[in-house]
Amino acid sequence: MVHGKVQTGRYNSASEVVREALRLMEERDRVKAMHRDELRKKIAVGLTSLEEGRFSDGEEFFAQMDAAFDEEICAKEKMVAAQQGEQHQVGQARNGQE
């Protein structure tokens, strides 16, 4: 694999390929560590909320999310219908109809 990378001409030597691979591995490890730390912080916040009695019933939460999504979809459908109505009126005005 290393030899194949050198053969492409992108790298001048096997050591360049290895250095790049090590750099990418180090970067991946840093990103994983960051994500792990962020997740731990979020878990800590959630546990603190639970301990303080600030939580929602799961079924209630998802019912609220469904209702919010339904409202958003309805609003978007109304907006699209209004835009289509405006386009229809513009088309009629251009054709001398109203």
PDB file of N, CA and C in Angstrom:
ATOM      1  N   MET A   1       0.825  -1.181   0.000  1.00  0.00           N
ATOM      2  CA  MET A   1       0.000   0.000   0.000  1.00  0.00           C
ATOM      3  C   MET A   1       0.883   1.263   0.000  1.00  0.00           C
ATOM      4  N   VAL A   2       1.901   1.274   0.838  1.00  0.00           N
ATOM      5  CA  VAL A   2       2.810   2.414   0.897  1.00  0.00           C
ATOM      6  C   VAL A   2       3.477   2.606  -0.455  1.00  0.00           C
ATOM      7  N   HIS A   3       3.946   1.515  -1.020  1.00  0.00           N
ATOM      8  CA  HIS A   3       4.606   1.571  -2.325  1.00  0.00           C
ATOM      9  C   HIS A   3       3.646   2.119  -3.386  1.00  0.00           C
ATOM     10  N   GLY A   4       2.400   1.703  -3.332  1.00  0.00           N
ATOM     11  CA  GLY A   4       1.395   2.176  -4.283  1.00  0.00           C
ATOM     12  C   GLY A   4       1.173   3.679  -4.169  1.00  0.00           C
ATOM     13  N   LYS A   5       1.193   4.206  -2.957  1.00  0.00           N
ATOM     14  CA  LYS A   5       1.037   5.651  -2.759  1.00  0.00           C
ATOM     15  C   LYS A   5       2.212   6.410  -3.366  1.00  0.00           C
ATOM     16  N   VAL A   6       3.419   5.870  -3.203  1.00  0.00           N
ATOM     17  CA  VAL A   6       4.604   6.510  -3.781  1.00  0.00           C
ATOM     18  C   VAL A   6       4.509   6.468  -5.302  1.00  0.00           C
ATOM     19  N   GLN A   7       4.022   5.359  -5.844  1.00  0.00           N
ATOM     20  CA  GLN A   7       3.914   5.189  -7.300  1.00  0.00           C
ATOM     21  C   GLN A   7       2.951   6.198  -7.927  1.00  0.00           C
ATOM     22  N   THR A   8       1.967   6.686  -7.157  1.00  0.00           N
ATOM     23  CA  THR A   8       1.023   7.662  -7.714  1.00  0.00           C
ATOM     24  C   THR A   8       1.702   8.994  -8.005  1.00  0.00           C
ATOM     25  N   GLY A   9       2.847   9.222  -7.377  1.00  0.00           N
ATOM     26  CA  GLY A   9       3.567  10.477  -7.573  1.00  0.00           C
ATOM     27  C   GLY A   9       3.204  11.545  -6.566  1.00  0.00           C
ATOM     28  N   ARG A  10       2.239  11.263  -5.735  1.00  0.00           N
ATOM     29  CA  ARG A  10       1.828  12.245  -4.730  1.00  0.00           C
ATOM     30  C   ARG A  10       2.865  12.348  -3.612  1.00  0.00           C
ATOM     31  N   TYR A  11       3.559  11.255  -3.368  1.00  0.00           N
ATOM     32  CA  TYR A  11       4.589  11.213  -2.324  1.00  0.00           C
ATOM     33  C   TYR A  11       5.927  10.869  -2.972  1.00  0.00           C
ATOM     34  N   ASN A  12       6.992  11.417  -2.407  1.00  0.00           N
ATOM     35  CA  ASN A  12       8.326  11.168  -2.949  1.00  0.00           C
ATOM     36  C   ASN A  12       8.984   9.933  -2.363  1.00  0.00           C
ATOM     37  N   SER A  13       8.511   9.511  -1.181  1.00  0.00           N
ATOM     38  CA  SER A  13       9.146   8.362  -0.541  1.00  0.00           C
ATOM     39  C   SER A  13       8.161   7.671   0.395  1.00  0.00           C
ATOM     40  N   ALA A  14       8.552   6.458   0.782  1.00  0.00           N
ATOM     41  CA  ALA A  14       7.734   5.700   1.726  1.00  0.00           C
ATOM     42  C   ALA A  14       7.648   6.423   3.068  1.00  0.00           C
ATOM     43  N   SER A  15       8.709   7.080   3.472  1.00  0.00           N
ATOM     44  CA  SER A  15       8.691   7.781   4.758  1.00  0.00           C
ATOM     45  C   SER A  15       7.678   8.925   4.741  1.00  0.00           C
ATOM     46  N   GLU A  16       7.501   9.589   3.595  1.00  0.00           N
ATOM     47  CA  GLU A  16       6.480  10.634   3.497  1.00  0.00           C
ATOM     48  C   GLU A  16       5.091  10.048   3.690  1.00  0.00           C
ATOM     49  N   VAL A  17       4.861   8.890   3.106  1.00  0.00           N
ATOM     50  CA  VAL A  17       3.565   8.220   3.247  1.00  0.00           C
ATOM     51  C   VAL A  17       3.324   7.876   4.714  1.00  0.00           C
ATOM     52  N   VAL A  18       4.322   7.319   5.358  1.00  0.00           N
ATOM     53  CA  VAL A  18       4.190   6.922   6.759  1.00  0.00           C
ATOM     54  C   VAL A  18       3.953   8.150   7.642  1.00  0.00           C
ATOM     55  N   ARG A  19       4.709   9.236   7.397  1.00  0.00           N
ATOM     56  CA  ARG A  19       4.512  10.465   8.192  1.00  0.00           C
ATOM     57  C   ARG A  19       3.090  10.988   8.039  1.00  0.00           C
ATOM     58  N   GLU A  20       2.593  10.997   6.808  1.00  0.00           N
ATOM     59  CA  GLU A  20       1.225  11.459   6.565  1.00  0.00           C
ATOM     60  C   GLU A  20       0.214  10.562   7.267  1.00  0.00           C
ATOM     61  N   ALA A  21       0.425   9.259   7.197  1.00  0.00           N
ATOM     62  CA  ALA A  21      -0.482   8.314   7.866  1.00  0.00           C
ATOM     63  C   ALA A  21      -0.478   8.545   9.375  1.00  0.00           C
ATOM     64  N   LEU A  22       0.693   8.746   9.949  1.00  0.00           N
ATOM     65  CA  LEU A  22       0.783   8.992  11.393  1.00  0.00           C
ATOM     66  C   LEU A  22       0.112  10.314  11.773  1.00  0.00           C
ATOM     67  N   ARG A  23       0.291  11.328  10.933  1.00  0.00           N
ATOM     68  CA  ARG A  23      -0.345  12.619  11.194  1.00  0.00           C
ATOM     69  C   ARG A  23      -1.863  12.477  11.178  1.00  0.00           C
ATOM     70  N   LEU A  24      -2.380  11.742  10.199  1.00  0.00           N
ATOM     71  CA  LEU A  24      -3.821  11.529  10.101  1.00  0.00           C
ATOM     72  C   LEU A  24      -4.359  10.710  11.277  1.00  0.00           C
ATOM     73  N   MET A  25      -3.590   9.726  11.702  1.00  0.00           N
ATOM     74  CA  MET A  25      -4.011   8.930  12.864  1.00  0.00           C
ATOM     75  C   MET A  25      -4.068   9.802  14.111  1.00  0.00           C
ATOM     76  N   GLU A  26      -3.078  10.668  14.278  1.00  0.00           N
ATOM     77  CA  GLU A  26      -3.049  11.573  15.429  1.00  0.00           C
ATOM     78  C   GLU A  26      -4.238  12.525  15.391  1.00  0.00           C
ATOM     79  N   GLU A  27      -4.529  13.041  14.219  1.00  0.00           N
ATOM     80  CA  GLU A  27      -5.679  13.934  14.065  1.00  0.00           C
ATOM     81  C   GLU A  27      -6.978  13.208  14.393  1.00  0.00           C
ATOM     82  N   ARG A  28      -7.118  11.989  13.913  1.00  0.00           N
ATOM     83  CA  ARG A  28      -8.318  11.199  14.201  1.00  0.00           C
ATOM     84  C   ARG A  28      -8.453  10.953  15.693  1.00  0.00           C
ATOM     85  N   ASP A  29      -7.345  10.644  16.356  1.00  0.00           N
ATOM     86  CA  ASP A  29      -7.375  10.420  17.797  1.00  0.00           C
ATOM     87  C   ASP A  29      -7.814  11.678  18.549  1.00  0.00           C
ATOM     88  N   ARG A  30      -7.337  12.857  18.093  1.00  0.00           N
ATOM     89  CA  ARG A  30      -7.741  14.123  18.733  1.00  0.00           C
ATOM     90  C   ARG A  30      -9.235  14.363  18.558  1.00  0.00           C
ATOM     91  N   VAL A  31      -9.742  14.112  17.363  1.00  0.00           N
ATOM     92  CA  VAL A  31     -11.169  14.316  17.095  1.00  0.00           C
ATOM     93  C   VAL A  31     -12.009  13.368  17.952  1.00  0.00           C
ATOM     94  N   LYS A  32     -11.594  12.121  18.034  1.00  0.00           N
ATOM     95  CA  LYS A  32     -12.320  11.151  18.870  1.00  0.00           C
ATOM     96  C   LYS A  32     -12.323  11.594  20.325  1.00  0.00           C
ATOM     97  N   ALA A  33     -11.184  12.062  20.808  1.00  0.00           N
ATOM     98  CA  ALA A  33     -11.087  12.522  22.196  1.00  0.00           C
ATOM     99  C   ALA A  33     -12.001  13.718  22.430  1.00  0.00           C
ATOM    100  N   MET A  34     -12.050  14.638  21.459  1.00  0.00           N
ATOM    101  CA  MET A  34     -12.934  15.797  21.578  1.00  0.00           C
ATOM    102  C   MET A  34     -14.391  15.355  21.667  1.00  0.00           C
ATOM    103  N   HIS A  35     -14.789  14.451  20.784  1.00  0.00           N
ATOM    104  CA  HIS A  35     -16.171  13.962  20.792  1.00  0.00           C
ATOM    105  C   HIS A  35     -16.482  13.253  22.105  1.00  0.00           C
ATOM    106  N   ARG A  36     -15.546  12.469  22.584  1.00  0.00           N
ATOM    107  CA  ARG A  36     -15.740  11.751  23.840  1.00  0.00           C
ATOM    108  C   ARG A  36     -15.914  12.747  24.988  1.00  0.00           C
ATOM    109  N   ASP A  37     -15.082  13.804  25.010  1.00  0.00           N
ATOM    110  CA  ASP A  37     -15.190  14.815  26.063  1.00  0.00           C
ATOM    111  C   ASP A  37     -16.518  15.564  25.992  1.00  0.00           C
ATOM    112  N   GLU A  38     -16.943  15.904  24.767  1.00  0.00           N
ATOM    113  CA  GLU A  38     -18.226  16.588  24.595  1.00  0.00           C
ATOM    114  C   GLU A  38     -19.379  15.704  25.072  1.00  0.00           C
ATOM    115  N   LEU A  39     -19.313  14.430  24.747  1.00  0.00           N
ATOM    116  CA  LEU A  39     -20.359  13.502  25.173  1.00  0.00           C
ATOM    117  C   LEU A  39     -20.393  13.388  26.690  1.00  0.00           C
ATOM    118  N   ARG A  40     -19.237  13.305  27.304  1.00  0.00           N
ATOM    119  CA  ARG A  40     -19.183  13.225  28.773  1.00  0.00           C
ATOM    120  C   ARG A  40     -19.786  14.472  29.414  1.00  0.00           C
ATOM    121  N   LYS A  41     -19.510  15.642  28.837  1.00  0.00           N
ATOM    122  CA  LYS A  41     -20.076  16.889  29.368  1.00  0.00           C
ATOM    123  C   LYS A  41     -21.596  16.874  29.257  1.00  0.00           C
ATOM    124  N   LYS A  42     -22.106  16.421  28.104  1.00  0.00           N
ATOM    125  CA  LYS A  42     -23.553  16.365  27.909  1.00  0.00           C
ATOM    126  C   LYS A  42     -24.211  15.385  28.868  1.00  0.00           C
ATOM    127  N   ILE A  43     -23.553  14.265  29.092  1.00  0.00           N
ATOM    128  CA  ILE A  43     -24.082  13.286  30.041  1.00  0.00           C
ATOM    129  C   ILE A  43     -24.111  13.896  31.439  1.00  0.00           C
ATOM    130  N   ALA A  44     -23.053  14.609  31.817  1.00  0.00           N
ATOM    131  CA  ALA A  44     -22.999  15.242  33.141  1.00  0.00           C
ATOM    132  C   ALA A  44     -24.122  16.262  33.294  1.00  0.00           C
ATOM    133  N   VAL A  45     -24.363  17.055  32.258  1.00  0.00           N
ATOM    134  CA  VAL A  45     -25.447  18.036  32.307  1.00  0.00           C
ATOM    135  C   VAL A  45     -26.790  17.326  32.473  1.00  0.00           C
ATOM    136  N   GLY A  46     -26.975  16.255  31.720  1.00  0.00           N
ATOM    137  CA  GLY A  46     -28.222  15.493  31.818  1.00  0.00           C
ATOM    138  C   GLY A  46     -28.419  14.883  33.188  1.00  0.00           C
ATOM    139  N   LEU A  47     -27.362  14.320  33.762  1.00  0.00           N
ATOM    140  CA  LEU A  47     -27.467  13.728  35.101  1.00  0.00           C
ATOM    141  C   LEU A  47     -27.771  14.787  36.153  1.00  0.00           C
ATOM    142  N   THR A  48     -27.156  15.955  36.004  1.00  0.00           N
ATOM    143  CA  THR A  48     -27.431  17.056  36.935  1.00  0.00           C
ATOM    144  C   THR A  48     -28.893  17.460  36.835  1.00  0.00           C
ATOM    145  N   SER A  49     -29.416  17.552  35.610  1.00  0.00           N
ATOM    146  CA  SER A  49     -30.826  17.892  35.422  1.00  0.00           C
ATOM    147  C   SER A  49     -31.730  16.863  36.096  1.00  0.00           C
ATOM    148  N   LEU A  50     -31.391  15.594  35.949  1.00  0.00           N
ATOM    149  CA  LEU A  50     -32.186  14.540  36.587  1.00  0.00           C
ATOM    150  C   LEU A  50     -32.162  14.678  38.100  1.00  0.00           C
ATOM    151  N   GLU A  51     -30.970  14.904  38.644  1.00  0.00           N
ATOM    152  CA  GLU A  51     -30.837  15.045  40.096  1.00  0.00           C
ATOM    153  C   GLU A  51     -31.621  16.240  40.627  1.00  0.00           C
ATOM    154  N   GLU A  52     -31.742  17.287  39.819  1.00  0.00           N
ATOM    155  CA  GLU A  52     -32.479  18.486  40.217  1.00  0.00           C
ATOM    156  C   GLU A  52     -33.966  18.372  39.893  1.00  0.00           C
ATOM    157  N   GLY A  53     -34.371  17.241  39.331  1.00  0.00           N
ATOM    158  CA  GLY A  53     -35.781  17.018  39.025  1.00  0.00           C
ATOM    159  C   GLY A  53     -36.245  17.672  37.732  1.00  0.00           C
ATOM    160  N   ARG A  54     -35.296  18.119  36.925  1.00  0.00           N
ATOM    161  CA  ARG A  54     -35.651  18.751  35.645  1.00  0.00           C
ATOM    162  C   ARG A  54     -35.540  17.707  34.536  1.00  0.00           C
ATOM    163  N   PHE A  55     -36.655  17.082  34.235  1.00  0.00           N
ATOM    164  CA  PHE A  55     -36.667  16.093  33.160  1.00  0.00           C
ATOM    165  C   PHE A  55     -38.072  15.993  32.604  1.00  0.00           C
ATOM    166  N   SER A  56     -38.194  15.377  31.438  1.00  0.00           N
ATOM    167  CA  SER A  56     -39.486  15.195  30.784  1.00  0.00           C
ATOM    168  C   SER A  56     -39.719  13.713  30.566  1.00  0.00           C
ATOM    169  N   ASP A  57     -40.975  13.354  30.593  1.00  0.00           N
ATOM    170  CA  ASP A  57     -41.360  11.996  30.242  1.00  0.00           C
ATOM    171  C   ASP A  57     -41.043  11.788  28.765  1.00  0.00           C
ATOM    172  N   GLY A  58     -40.457  10.658  28.435  1.00  0.00           N
ATOM    173  CA  GLY A  58     -40.058  10.389  27.058  1.00  0.00           C
ATOM    174  C   GLY A  58     -41.211  10.444  26.076  1.00  0.00           C
ATOM    175  N   GLU A  59     -42.328   9.832  26.411  1.00  0.00           N
ATOM    176  CA  GLU A  59     -43.493   9.825  25.519  1.00  0.00           C
ATOM    177  C   GLU A  59     -44.009  11.241  25.313  1.00  0.00           C
ATOM    178  N   GLU A  60     -44.053  12.017  26.391  1.00  0.00           N
ATOM    179  CA  GLU A  60     -44.513  13.408  26.304  1.00  0.00           C
ATOM    180  C   GLU A  60     -43.572  14.231  25.414  1.00  0.00           C
ATOM    181  N   PHE A  61     -42.280  14.022  25.588  1.00  0.00           N
ATOM    182  CA  PHE A  61     -41.288  14.747  24.795  1.00  0.00           C
ATOM    183  C   PHE A  61     -41.479  14.463  23.306  1.00  0.00           C
ATOM    184  N   PHE A  62     -41.603  13.192  22.946  1.00  0.00           N
ATOM    185  CA  PHE A  62     -41.757  12.844  21.536  1.00  0.00           C
ATOM    186  C   PHE A  62     -43.092  13.331  20.977  1.00  0.00           C
ATOM    187  N   ALA A  63     -44.132  13.351  21.800  1.00  0.00           N
ATOM    188  CA  ALA A  63     -45.412  13.895  21.347  1.00  0.00           C
ATOM    189  C   ALA A  63     -45.274  15.388  21.050  1.00  0.00           C
ATOM    190  N   GLN A  64     -44.530  16.102  21.897  1.00  0.00           N
ATOM    191  CA  GLN A  64     -44.280  17.531  21.661  1.00  0.00           C
ATOM    192  C   GLN A  64     -43.460  17.732  20.388  1.00  0.00           C
ATOM    193  N   MET A  65     -42.460  16.878  20.171  1.00  0.00           N
ATOM    194  CA  MET A  65     -41.635  16.983  18.965  1.00  0.00           C
ATOM    195  C   MET A  65     -42.479  16.737  17.716  1.00  0.00           C
ATOM    196  N   ASP A  66     -43.342  15.724  17.763  1.00  0.00           N
ATOM    197  CA  ASP A  66     -44.218  15.435  16.629  1.00  0.00           C
ATOM    198  C   ASP A  66     -45.123  16.627  16.329  1.00  0.00           C
ATOM    199  N   ALA A  67     -45.692  17.228  17.378  1.00  0.00           N
ATOM    200  CA  ALA A  67     -46.569  18.386  17.192  1.00  0.00           C
ATOM    201  C   ALA A  67     -45.796  19.556  16.592  1.00  0.00           C
ATOM    202  N   ALA A  68     -44.578  19.786  17.061  1.00  0.00           N
ATOM    203  CA  ALA A  68     -43.760  20.878  16.528  1.00  0.00           C
ATOM    204  C   ALA A  68     -43.427  20.633  15.062  1.00  0.00           C
ATOM    205  N   PHE A  69     -43.083  19.406  14.711  1.00  0.00           N
ATOM    206  CA  PHE A  69     -42.783  19.079  13.320  1.00  0.00           C
ATOM    207  C   PHE A  69     -44.026  19.243  12.443  1.00  0.00           C
ATOM    208  N   ASP A  70     -45.188  18.815  12.968  1.00  0.00           N
ATOM    209  CA  ASP A  70     -46.428  18.969  12.215  1.00  0.00           C
ATOM    210  C   ASP A  70     -46.709  20.446  11.936  1.00  0.00           C
ATOM    211  N   GLU A  71     -46.487  21.305  12.944  1.00  0.00           N
ATOM    212  CA  GLU A  71     -46.692  22.746  12.763  1.00  0.00           C
ATOM    213  C   GLU A  71     -45.734  23.306  11.724  1.00  0.00           C
ATOM    214  N   GLU A  72     -44.482  22.868  11.783  1.00  0.00           N
ATOM    215  CA  GLU A  72     -43.478  23.339  10.832  1.00  0.00           C
ATOM    216  C   GLU A  72     -43.846  22.921   9.410  1.00  0.00           C
ATOM    217  N   ILE A  73     -44.263  21.689   9.237  1.00  0.00           N
ATOM    218  CA  ILE A  73     -44.651  21.192   7.916  1.00  0.00           C
ATOM    219  C   ILE A  73     -45.856  21.957   7.395  1.00  0.00           C
ATOM    220  N   CYS A  74     -46.833  22.195   8.269  1.00  0.00           N
ATOM    221  CA  CYS A  74     -48.034  22.935   7.870  1.00  0.00           C
ATOM    222  C   CYS A  74     -47.663  24.353   7.441  1.00  0.00           C
ATOM    223  N   ALA A  75     -46.787  25.006   8.189  1.00  0.00           N
ATOM    224  CA  ALA A  75     -46.358  26.367   7.847  1.00  0.00           C
ATOM    225  C   ALA A  75     -45.643  26.384   6.501  1.00  0.00           C
ATOM    226  N   LYS A  76     -44.798  25.398   6.249  1.00  0.00           N
ATOM    227  CA  LYS A  76     -44.086  25.334   4.972  1.00  0.00           C
ATOM    228  C   LYS A  76     -45.048  25.077   3.822  1.00  0.00           C
ATOM    229  N   GLU A  77     -46.029  24.221   4.047  1.00  0.00           N
ATOM    230  CA  GLU A  77     -47.012  23.944   2.996  1.00  0.00           C
ATOM    231  C   GLU A  77     -47.813  25.200   2.671  1.00  0.00           C
ATOM    232  N   LYS A  78     -48.169  25.978   3.704  1.00  0.00           N
ATOM    233  CA  LYS A  78     -48.897  27.230   3.478  1.00  0.00           C
ATOM    234  C   LYS A  78     -48.036  28.219   2.705  1.00  0.00           C
ATOM    235  N   MET A  79     -46.751  28.291   3.035  1.00  0.00           N
ATOM    236  CA  MET A  79     -45.837  29.202   2.360  1.00  0.00           C
ATOM    237  C   MET A  79     -45.711  28.824   0.883  1.00  0.00           C
ATOM    238  N   VAL A  80     -45.572  27.536   0.611  1.00  0.00           N
ATOM    239  CA  VAL A  80     -45.460  27.068  -0.774  1.00  0.00           C
ATOM    240  C   VAL A  80     -46.749  27.375  -1.534  1.00  0.00           C
ATOM    241  N   ALA A  81     -47.889  27.142  -0.906  1.00  0.00           N
ATOM    242  CA  ALA A  81     -49.169  27.414  -1.553  1.00  0.00           C
ATOM    243  C   ALA A  81     -49.304  28.908  -1.852  1.00  0.00           C
ATOM    244  N   ALA A  82     -48.876  29.749  -0.921  1.00  0.00           N
ATOM    245  CA  ALA A  82     -48.943  31.196  -1.128  1.00  0.00           C
ATOM    246  C   ALA A  82     -48.032  31.605  -2.275  1.00  0.00           C
ATOM    247  N   GLN A  83     -46.841  31.039  -2.325  1.00  0.00           N
ATOM    248  CA  GLN A  83     -45.902  31.358  -3.409  1.00  0.00           C
ATOM    249  C   GLN A  83     -46.466  30.912  -4.753  1.00  0.00           C
ATOM    250  N   GLN A  84     -47.075  29.751  -4.766  1.00  0.00           N
ATOM    251  CA  GLN A  84     -47.659  29.260  -6.016  1.00  0.00           C
ATOM    252  C   GLN A  84     -48.817  30.147  -6.446  1.00  0.00           C
ATOM    253  N   GLY A  85     -49.591  30.627  -5.471  1.00  0.00           N
ATOM    254  CA  GLY A  85     -50.696  31.538  -5.776  1.00  0.00           C
ATOM    255  C   GLY A  85     -50.187  32.840  -6.347  1.00  0.00           C
ATOM    256  N   GLU A  86     -49.096  33.364  -5.793  1.00  0.00           N
ATOM    257  CA  GLU A  86     -48.497  34.600  -6.293  1.00  0.00           C
ATOM    258  C   GLU A  86     -47.985  34.392  -7.714  1.00  0.00           C
ATOM    259  N   GLN A  87     -47.365  33.263  -7.959  1.00  0.00           N
ATOM    260  CA  GLN A  87     -46.844  32.972  -9.304  1.00  0.00           C
ATOM    261  C   GLN A  87     -47.989  32.868 -10.308  1.00  0.00           C
ATOM    262  N   HIS A  88     -49.110  32.271  -9.861  1.00  0.00           N
ATOM    263  CA  HIS A  88     -50.273  32.133 -10.737  1.00  0.00           C
ATOM    264  C   HIS A  88     -50.826  33.512 -11.085  1.00  0.00           C
ATOM    265  N   GLN A  89     -50.889  34.411 -10.079  1.00  0.00           N
ATOM    266  CA  GLN A  89     -51.392  35.768 -10.314  1.00  0.00           C
ATOM    267  C   GLN A  89     -50.465  36.540 -11.256  1.00  0.00           C
ATOM    268  N   VAL A  90     -49.155  36.368 -11.101  1.00  0.00           N
ATOM    269  CA  VAL A  90     -48.200  37.026 -11.973  1.00  0.00           C
ATOM    270  C   VAL A  90     -48.375  36.529 -13.400  1.00  0.00           C
ATOM    271  N   GLY A  91     -48.545  35.241 -13.549  1.00  0.00           N
ATOM    272  CA  GLY A  91     -48.745  34.655 -14.880  1.00  0.00           C
ATOM    273  C   GLY A  91     -50.022  35.177 -15.532  1.00  0.00           C
ATOM    274  N   GLN A  92     -51.080  35.311 -14.761  1.00  0.00           N
ATOM    275  CA  GLN A  92     -52.333  35.846 -15.292  1.00  0.00           C
ATOM    276  C   GLN A  92     -52.168  37.311 -15.699  1.00  0.00           C
ATOM    277  N   ALA A  93     -51.452  38.089 -14.875  1.00  0.00           N
ATOM    278  CA  ALA A  93     -51.245  39.508 -15.185  1.00  0.00           C
ATOM    279  C   ALA A  93     -50.436  39.645 -16.467  1.00  0.00           C
ATOM    280  N   ARG A  94     -49.477  38.813 -16.662  1.00  0.00           N
ATOM    281  CA  ARG A  94     -48.670  38.867 -17.889  1.00  0.00           C
ATOM    282  C   ARG A  94     -49.496  38.531 -19.125  1.00  0.00           C
ATOM    283  N   ASN A  95     -50.472  37.668 -18.936  1.00  0.00           N
ATOM    284  CA  ASN A  95     -51.313  37.261 -20.062  1.00  0.00           C
ATOM    285  C   ASN A  95     -52.543  38.156 -20.215  1.00  0.00           C
ATOM    286  N   GLY A  96     -52.632  39.204 -19.396  1.00  0.00           N
ATOM    287  CA  GLY A  96     -53.750  40.119 -19.479  1.00  0.00           C
ATOM    288  C   GLY A  96     -55.004  39.597 -18.837  1.00  0.00           C
ATOM    289  N   GLN A  97     -54.883  38.605 -17.977  1.00  0.00           N
ATOM    290  CA  GLN A  97     -56.025  38.019 -17.277  1.00  0.00           C
ATOM    291  C   GLN A  97     -55.961  38.424 -15.822  1.00  0.00           C
ATOM    292  N   GLU A  98     -57.115  38.505 -15.190  1.00  0.00           N
ATOM    293  CA  GLU A  98     -57.161  38.683 -13.733  1.00  0.00           C
ATOM    294  C   GLU A  98     -58.501  38.380 -13.228  1.00  0.00           C
TER     295      GLU A  98
END
